[in-house]
N, C-alpha and C. Protein backbone atom coordinates (compact mmCIF):
# COMPACT_ATOMS: atom_id res chain seq x y z
N MET A 1 0.84 -1.17 0.00
CA MET A 1 0.00 0.00 0.00
C MET A 1 0.89 1.24 0.00
N VAL A 2 0.60 2.17 -0.87
CA VAL A 2 1.35 3.43 -0.94
C VAL A 2 0.54 4.51 -0.24
N LEU A 3 1.14 5.10 0.78
CA LEU A 3 0.49 6.19 1.51
C LEU A 3 1.12 7.50 1.09
N LYS A 4 0.31 8.48 0.83
CA LYS A 4 0.82 9.78 0.42
C LYS A 4 0.81 10.72 1.62
N LYS A 5 1.59 10.38 2.62
CA LYS A 5 1.63 11.16 3.85
C LYS A 5 2.59 12.34 3.74
N LEU A 6 3.74 12.14 3.10
CA LEU A 6 4.73 13.20 2.99
C LEU A 6 4.39 14.07 1.78
N ILE A 7 3.91 15.29 2.06
CA ILE A 7 3.48 16.16 0.97
C ILE A 7 4.48 17.27 0.68
N CYS A 8 5.48 17.41 1.54
CA CYS A 8 6.49 18.45 1.37
C CYS A 8 7.74 18.06 2.15
N ALA A 9 8.91 18.26 1.57
CA ALA A 9 10.17 18.04 2.28
C ALA A 9 11.15 19.11 1.82
N GLN A 10 11.55 19.96 2.76
CA GLN A 10 12.47 21.05 2.45
C GLN A 10 13.55 21.11 3.52
N PHE A 11 14.66 21.74 3.20
CA PHE A 11 15.70 21.93 4.22
C PHE A 11 16.11 23.40 4.24
N PHE A 12 16.60 23.82 5.40
CA PHE A 12 17.03 25.19 5.61
C PHE A 12 18.41 25.14 6.25
N SER A 13 19.40 25.68 5.55
CA SER A 13 20.78 25.49 5.99
C SER A 13 21.68 26.71 5.83
N ARG A 14 21.13 27.88 5.60
CA ARG A 14 21.99 29.05 5.42
C ARG A 14 22.87 29.32 6.64
N GLY A 15 22.29 29.28 7.82
CA GLY A 15 23.08 29.50 9.03
C GLY A 15 24.14 28.43 9.20
N TYR A 16 23.74 27.19 9.01
CA TYR A 16 24.69 26.07 9.10
C TYR A 16 25.80 26.24 8.07
N ASN A 17 25.46 26.57 6.84
CA ASN A 17 26.46 26.72 5.78
C ASN A 17 27.45 27.84 6.09
N MET A 18 26.97 28.94 6.64
CA MET A 18 27.86 30.06 6.96
C MET A 18 28.85 29.67 8.05
N ALA A 19 28.41 28.89 9.02
CA ALA A 19 29.27 28.54 10.15
C ALA A 19 30.17 27.34 9.87
N SER A 20 29.73 26.43 9.02
CA SER A 20 30.48 25.18 8.85
C SER A 20 30.91 24.91 7.42
N GLU A 21 30.69 25.85 6.54
CA GLU A 21 31.02 25.70 5.13
C GLU A 21 30.26 24.54 4.48
N GLY A 22 29.09 24.23 5.01
CA GLY A 22 28.20 23.24 4.40
C GLY A 22 28.82 21.88 4.16
N LYS A 23 29.42 21.29 5.17
CA LYS A 23 30.11 20.01 5.01
C LYS A 23 29.17 18.82 4.90
N GLU A 24 27.93 18.99 5.28
CA GLU A 24 26.95 17.89 5.17
C GLU A 24 26.24 17.97 3.83
N THR A 25 25.69 16.85 3.41
CA THR A 25 24.90 16.80 2.19
C THR A 25 23.65 17.65 2.38
N GLN A 26 23.39 18.54 1.46
CA GLN A 26 22.25 19.45 1.55
C GLN A 26 21.00 18.75 1.01
N THR A 27 20.23 18.18 1.91
CA THR A 27 19.05 17.43 1.54
C THR A 27 18.06 17.43 2.70
N PRO A 28 16.78 17.33 2.42
CA PRO A 28 15.81 17.19 3.52
C PRO A 28 15.78 15.77 4.09
N ARG A 29 16.55 14.86 3.50
CA ARG A 29 16.57 13.47 3.95
C ARG A 29 17.01 13.38 5.41
N ASP A 30 16.36 12.51 6.14
CA ASP A 30 16.64 12.27 7.55
C ASP A 30 17.87 11.37 7.65
N GLU A 31 18.97 11.91 8.14
CA GLU A 31 20.23 11.16 8.19
C GLU A 31 20.34 10.23 9.40
N ASP A 32 19.66 10.56 10.51
CA ASP A 32 19.84 9.75 11.72
C ASP A 32 18.55 9.11 12.26
N GLY A 33 17.44 9.31 11.61
CA GLY A 33 16.19 8.68 12.02
C GLY A 33 15.33 9.49 12.97
N HIS A 34 15.86 10.57 13.52
CA HIS A 34 15.11 11.36 14.49
C HIS A 34 13.85 11.97 13.87
N GLY A 35 13.99 12.58 12.71
CA GLY A 35 12.83 13.20 12.05
C GLY A 35 11.78 12.19 11.66
N THR A 36 12.23 11.03 11.17
CA THR A 36 11.29 9.97 10.80
C THR A 36 10.53 9.48 12.02
N HIS A 37 11.24 9.30 13.13
CA HIS A 37 10.60 8.85 14.37
C HIS A 37 9.56 9.85 14.85
N THR A 38 9.91 11.13 14.88
CA THR A 38 8.95 12.12 15.38
C THR A 38 7.77 12.28 14.44
N ALA A 39 7.99 12.15 13.13
CA ALA A 39 6.87 12.22 12.18
C ALA A 39 5.92 11.05 12.38
N SER A 40 6.46 9.87 12.64
CA SER A 40 5.59 8.70 12.85
C SER A 40 4.82 8.81 14.16
N THR A 41 5.39 9.49 15.15
CA THR A 41 4.67 9.73 16.39
C THR A 41 3.46 10.61 16.12
N ALA A 42 3.63 11.56 15.23
CA ALA A 42 2.53 12.48 14.90
C ALA A 42 1.49 11.85 14.00
N ASP A 43 1.92 11.14 12.95
CA ASP A 43 0.94 10.70 11.95
C ASP A 43 1.05 9.23 11.55
N GLY A 44 1.72 8.43 12.34
CA GLY A 44 1.91 7.03 11.98
C GLY A 44 0.61 6.27 11.77
N SER A 45 0.57 5.45 10.73
CA SER A 45 -0.59 4.61 10.45
C SER A 45 -0.72 3.51 11.49
N GLN A 46 -1.90 2.96 11.60
CA GLN A 46 -2.16 1.89 12.56
C GLN A 46 -1.40 0.63 12.15
N VAL A 47 -0.74 0.01 13.13
CA VAL A 47 0.00 -1.24 12.92
C VAL A 47 -0.43 -2.23 14.00
N ALA A 48 -0.97 -3.36 13.58
CA ALA A 48 -1.42 -4.39 14.52
C ALA A 48 -0.23 -5.25 14.96
N ASN A 49 -0.33 -5.84 16.14
CA ASN A 49 0.68 -6.76 16.68
C ASN A 49 2.06 -6.14 16.77
N ALA A 50 2.14 -4.88 17.11
CA ALA A 50 3.43 -4.21 17.29
C ALA A 50 3.92 -4.47 18.71
N SER A 51 5.23 -4.54 18.88
CA SER A 51 5.80 -4.70 20.21
C SER A 51 7.24 -4.21 20.20
N LEU A 52 7.79 -4.08 21.38
CA LEU A 52 9.21 -3.76 21.52
C LEU A 52 9.86 -4.96 22.17
N LEU A 53 10.57 -5.75 21.37
CA LEU A 53 11.24 -6.95 21.86
C LEU A 53 10.28 -7.89 22.57
N GLY A 54 9.05 -7.95 22.07
CA GLY A 54 8.05 -8.84 22.64
C GLY A 54 7.26 -8.25 23.79
N TYR A 55 7.59 -7.07 24.23
CA TYR A 55 6.88 -6.41 25.33
C TYR A 55 5.87 -5.41 24.77
N ALA A 56 4.86 -5.11 25.57
CA ALA A 56 3.84 -4.11 25.23
C ALA A 56 3.22 -4.39 23.87
N SER A 57 2.87 -5.61 23.63
CA SER A 57 2.29 -6.00 22.35
C SER A 57 0.89 -5.43 22.19
N GLY A 58 0.57 -5.01 20.98
CA GLY A 58 -0.76 -4.47 20.71
C GLY A 58 -0.76 -3.68 19.42
N THR A 59 -1.77 -2.86 19.27
CA THR A 59 -1.90 -2.02 18.08
C THR A 59 -1.34 -0.64 18.39
N THR A 60 -0.60 -0.11 17.47
CA THR A 60 -0.01 1.21 17.66
C THR A 60 -0.39 2.11 16.49
N ARG A 61 -0.38 3.40 16.74
CA ARG A 61 -0.60 4.38 15.69
C ARG A 61 -0.13 5.73 16.19
N GLY A 62 0.06 6.66 15.27
CA GLY A 62 0.43 8.02 15.64
C GLY A 62 -0.78 8.79 16.13
N MET A 63 -0.57 10.03 16.54
CA MET A 63 -1.66 10.87 17.07
C MET A 63 -2.71 11.18 16.01
N GLY A 64 -2.29 11.38 14.78
CA GLY A 64 -3.21 11.69 13.68
C GLY A 64 -2.92 10.78 12.50
N PRO A 65 -3.36 9.53 12.56
CA PRO A 65 -2.97 8.56 11.54
C PRO A 65 -3.42 8.90 10.12
N HIS A 66 -4.34 9.82 9.97
CA HIS A 66 -4.78 10.20 8.63
C HIS A 66 -4.20 11.55 8.20
N ALA A 67 -3.30 12.07 9.01
CA ALA A 67 -2.67 13.37 8.72
C ALA A 67 -1.61 13.22 7.63
N GLN A 68 -1.24 14.34 7.07
CA GLN A 68 -0.13 14.39 6.11
C GLN A 68 0.99 15.21 6.73
N VAL A 69 2.21 14.97 6.27
CA VAL A 69 3.39 15.61 6.86
C VAL A 69 4.06 16.53 5.84
N ALA A 70 4.38 17.71 6.31
CA ALA A 70 5.28 18.61 5.59
C ALA A 70 6.52 18.69 6.46
N ALA A 71 7.64 18.17 5.98
CA ALA A 71 8.88 18.08 6.78
C ALA A 71 9.82 19.23 6.41
N TYR A 72 10.30 19.90 7.44
CA TYR A 72 11.23 21.02 7.25
C TYR A 72 12.47 20.74 8.08
N LYS A 73 13.54 20.31 7.44
CA LYS A 73 14.79 19.99 8.15
C LYS A 73 15.53 21.28 8.47
N VAL A 74 15.76 21.52 9.76
CA VAL A 74 16.44 22.74 10.19
C VAL A 74 17.68 22.46 11.03
N CYS A 75 17.90 21.21 11.37
CA CYS A 75 19.06 20.84 12.19
C CYS A 75 19.97 19.91 11.40
N TRP A 76 21.24 19.97 11.76
CA TRP A 76 22.26 19.19 11.08
C TRP A 76 23.02 18.37 12.11
N LYS A 77 23.87 17.48 11.69
CA LYS A 77 24.55 16.56 12.61
C LYS A 77 25.25 17.28 13.75
N THR A 78 25.87 18.40 13.47
CA THR A 78 26.65 19.07 14.50
C THR A 78 25.88 20.13 15.27
N SER A 79 24.83 20.70 14.69
CA SER A 79 24.13 21.77 15.40
C SER A 79 22.87 22.22 14.67
N CYS A 80 22.13 23.07 15.39
CA CYS A 80 20.96 23.75 14.83
C CYS A 80 21.24 25.25 14.95
N PHE A 81 20.88 26.00 13.93
CA PHE A 81 21.08 27.44 13.95
C PHE A 81 19.73 28.14 14.00
N GLY A 82 19.65 29.16 14.85
CA GLY A 82 18.39 29.89 15.00
C GLY A 82 17.83 30.40 13.70
N SER A 83 18.70 30.88 12.82
CA SER A 83 18.23 31.40 11.53
C SER A 83 17.58 30.31 10.70
N ASP A 84 18.12 29.10 10.75
CA ASP A 84 17.54 27.98 10.00
C ASP A 84 16.21 27.54 10.62
N ILE A 85 16.15 27.53 11.96
CA ILE A 85 14.91 27.16 12.64
C ILE A 85 13.79 28.14 12.27
N LEU A 86 14.09 29.44 12.37
CA LEU A 86 13.08 30.45 12.03
C LEU A 86 12.69 30.39 10.56
N ALA A 87 13.65 30.14 9.68
CA ALA A 87 13.33 30.04 8.25
C ALA A 87 12.39 28.87 8.00
N GLY A 88 12.63 27.75 8.65
CA GLY A 88 11.75 26.59 8.49
C GLY A 88 10.36 26.84 9.06
N MET A 89 10.30 27.46 10.23
CA MET A 89 9.01 27.76 10.84
C MET A 89 8.24 28.76 9.97
N GLU A 90 8.94 29.76 9.47
CA GLU A 90 8.29 30.76 8.61
C GLU A 90 7.73 30.10 7.34
N GLN A 91 8.50 29.21 6.73
CA GLN A 91 8.02 28.54 5.52
C GLN A 91 6.80 27.67 5.83
N ALA A 92 6.83 26.98 6.96
CA ALA A 92 5.68 26.15 7.35
C ALA A 92 4.43 27.02 7.51
N ILE A 93 4.59 28.18 8.13
CA ILE A 93 3.46 29.10 8.29
C ILE A 93 2.96 29.56 6.92
N LEU A 94 3.88 29.95 6.05
CA LEU A 94 3.51 30.39 4.70
C LEU A 94 2.84 29.27 3.90
N ASP A 95 3.26 28.03 4.15
CA ASP A 95 2.68 26.89 3.45
C ASP A 95 1.29 26.53 3.99
N GLY A 96 0.90 27.13 5.12
CA GLY A 96 -0.44 26.91 5.66
C GLY A 96 -0.61 25.62 6.42
N VAL A 97 0.44 25.19 7.14
CA VAL A 97 0.29 23.97 7.93
C VAL A 97 -0.79 24.16 8.99
N ASP A 98 -1.36 23.05 9.44
CA ASP A 98 -2.40 23.10 10.48
C ASP A 98 -1.81 23.09 11.88
N VAL A 99 -0.66 22.43 12.05
CA VAL A 99 0.00 22.29 13.34
C VAL A 99 1.50 22.32 13.11
N LEU A 100 2.25 22.94 14.01
CA LEU A 100 3.71 22.85 13.99
C LEU A 100 4.13 21.94 15.13
N SER A 101 4.91 20.91 14.82
CA SER A 101 5.45 20.01 15.83
C SER A 101 6.96 20.07 15.74
N LEU A 102 7.59 20.52 16.82
CA LEU A 102 9.04 20.67 16.84
C LEU A 102 9.64 19.71 17.84
N SER A 103 10.65 19.00 17.42
CA SER A 103 11.38 18.12 18.32
C SER A 103 12.84 18.53 18.31
N LEU A 104 13.10 19.64 18.95
CA LEU A 104 14.45 20.18 19.07
C LEU A 104 14.45 21.11 20.26
N GLY A 105 15.59 21.46 20.73
CA GLY A 105 15.63 22.35 21.88
C GLY A 105 17.03 22.86 22.11
N GLY A 106 17.14 23.73 23.05
CA GLY A 106 18.44 24.31 23.35
C GLY A 106 18.44 24.90 24.74
N GLY A 107 19.43 25.70 25.01
CA GLY A 107 19.56 26.32 26.32
C GLY A 107 18.51 27.38 26.55
N SER A 108 18.44 27.80 27.78
CA SER A 108 17.46 28.80 28.18
C SER A 108 17.99 30.21 27.88
N VAL A 109 17.18 30.99 27.20
CA VAL A 109 17.50 32.39 26.92
C VAL A 109 16.24 33.20 27.18
N PRO A 110 16.36 34.52 27.34
CA PRO A 110 15.15 35.33 27.51
C PRO A 110 14.19 35.13 26.34
N TYR A 111 12.90 35.14 26.63
CA TYR A 111 11.91 34.82 25.59
C TYR A 111 12.03 35.68 24.35
N TYR A 112 12.42 36.93 24.49
CA TYR A 112 12.53 37.81 23.33
C TYR A 112 13.74 37.47 22.45
N ARG A 113 14.60 36.56 22.92
CA ARG A 113 15.74 36.09 22.12
C ARG A 113 15.62 34.61 21.78
N ASP A 114 14.58 33.96 22.24
CA ASP A 114 14.39 32.52 22.04
C ASP A 114 13.80 32.28 20.65
N THR A 115 14.61 31.71 19.78
CA THR A 115 14.20 31.48 18.39
C THR A 115 12.90 30.70 18.30
N ILE A 116 12.79 29.64 19.08
CA ILE A 116 11.60 28.79 19.02
C ILE A 116 10.38 29.55 19.53
N ALA A 117 10.53 30.31 20.60
CA ALA A 117 9.40 31.10 21.12
C ALA A 117 8.95 32.14 20.10
N ILE A 118 9.90 32.80 19.46
CA ILE A 118 9.56 33.82 18.46
C ILE A 118 8.79 33.19 17.31
N GLY A 119 9.28 32.06 16.80
CA GLY A 119 8.57 31.36 15.73
C GLY A 119 7.21 30.86 16.17
N ALA A 120 7.13 30.38 17.42
CA ALA A 120 5.86 29.88 17.94
C ALA A 120 4.84 31.01 18.07
N PHE A 121 5.29 32.17 18.52
CA PHE A 121 4.38 33.31 18.63
C PHE A 121 3.84 33.68 17.25
N ALA A 122 4.71 33.68 16.24
CA ALA A 122 4.27 34.00 14.87
C ALA A 122 3.24 32.99 14.39
N ALA A 123 3.46 31.72 14.69
CA ALA A 123 2.50 30.68 14.28
C ALA A 123 1.18 30.86 15.01
N MET A 124 1.24 31.14 16.31
CA MET A 124 0.02 31.31 17.10
C MET A 124 -0.79 32.51 16.61
N GLU A 125 -0.10 33.56 16.17
CA GLU A 125 -0.81 34.72 15.61
C GLU A 125 -1.64 34.33 14.40
N LYS A 126 -1.21 33.30 13.68
CA LYS A 126 -1.93 32.81 12.50
C LYS A 126 -2.89 31.68 12.85
N GLY A 127 -3.04 31.38 14.14
CA GLY A 127 -3.96 30.33 14.57
C GLY A 127 -3.39 28.92 14.43
N ILE A 128 -2.07 28.79 14.36
CA ILE A 128 -1.43 27.49 14.20
C ILE A 128 -0.91 27.03 15.56
N PRO A 129 -1.46 25.93 16.11
CA PRO A 129 -0.95 25.42 17.38
C PRO A 129 0.48 24.91 17.22
N VAL A 130 1.27 25.03 18.29
CA VAL A 130 2.67 24.60 18.26
C VAL A 130 2.88 23.57 19.37
N SER A 131 3.44 22.43 18.99
CA SER A 131 3.78 21.37 19.94
C SER A 131 5.29 21.21 19.94
N CYS A 132 5.88 21.21 21.13
CA CYS A 132 7.34 21.12 21.23
C CYS A 132 7.75 19.94 22.10
N SER A 133 8.96 19.46 21.88
CA SER A 133 9.50 18.37 22.68
C SER A 133 9.72 18.84 24.12
N ALA A 134 9.97 17.90 25.01
CA ALA A 134 10.05 18.20 26.44
C ALA A 134 11.07 19.27 26.77
N GLU A 135 12.24 19.23 26.17
CA GLU A 135 13.26 20.22 26.47
C GLU A 135 12.80 21.61 26.10
N THR A 136 12.09 21.73 25.01
CA THR A 136 11.61 23.02 24.55
C THR A 136 10.34 23.45 25.27
N VAL A 137 9.47 22.50 25.58
CA VAL A 137 8.14 22.84 26.09
C VAL A 137 8.21 23.55 27.45
N VAL A 138 9.19 23.24 28.27
CA VAL A 138 9.31 23.92 29.56
C VAL A 138 9.50 25.41 29.32
N LEU A 139 10.39 25.75 28.42
CA LEU A 139 10.63 27.16 28.10
C LEU A 139 9.41 27.78 27.45
N LEU A 140 8.83 27.08 26.49
CA LEU A 140 7.72 27.63 25.73
C LEU A 140 6.50 27.86 26.62
N ASN A 141 6.21 26.94 27.53
CA ASN A 141 5.06 27.12 28.42
C ASN A 141 5.22 28.38 29.26
N LEU A 142 6.42 28.65 29.72
CA LEU A 142 6.64 29.87 30.49
C LEU A 142 6.38 31.10 29.64
N HIS A 143 6.80 31.04 28.40
CA HIS A 143 6.63 32.19 27.51
C HIS A 143 5.17 32.37 27.10
N LEU A 144 4.47 31.28 26.89
CA LEU A 144 3.09 31.37 26.42
C LEU A 144 2.17 31.98 27.47
N LYS A 145 2.54 31.86 28.74
CA LYS A 145 1.72 32.46 29.79
C LYS A 145 1.69 33.98 29.66
N MET A 146 2.74 34.53 29.05
CA MET A 146 2.80 35.98 28.88
C MET A 146 2.17 36.42 27.56
N TRP A 147 1.87 35.47 26.68
CA TRP A 147 1.32 35.78 25.36
C TRP A 147 -0.19 35.95 25.47
N PRO A 148 -0.75 37.04 24.97
CA PRO A 148 -2.20 37.23 25.08
C PRO A 148 -2.96 36.21 24.24
N HIS A 149 -3.92 35.56 24.85
CA HIS A 149 -4.75 34.57 24.16
C HIS A 149 -6.08 35.20 23.78
N GLY A 150 -6.59 34.80 22.63
CA GLY A 150 -7.91 35.29 22.21
C GLY A 150 -9.01 34.72 23.07
N SER A 151 -10.16 35.35 23.07
CA SER A 151 -11.26 34.86 23.90
C SER A 151 -12.17 33.95 23.12
């Protein structure tokens, strides 16, 4: 069965290229499996009789098994650059995604300098919910409390 889940795959590497002379292959392809894993958590199809080494056997699926994925690669083997993260988030917003799911994070900085918070605020202004990984969500939740919510 062919599923047409991946509807867009782009990469953003200007910041990375400036700092590292672009030593990695410039492609949206997932080199280490992290992006594929997080995408399947979001939209994985139902699979019967799944288990981990024989444990927790049952049916598994992602949060939105009928969803489609637009993948925006913004991180590279050695690092993630704020300019690339914002460029990817901006493109996702321009492409009209329904939800932004980010699985990346970094150190704590003031919210007005936090790349992920800035991109998340821009998405929220357009009515796009943002879901972040645990490392990021602690920072983002603190920032969102200060962001005015519509009634």
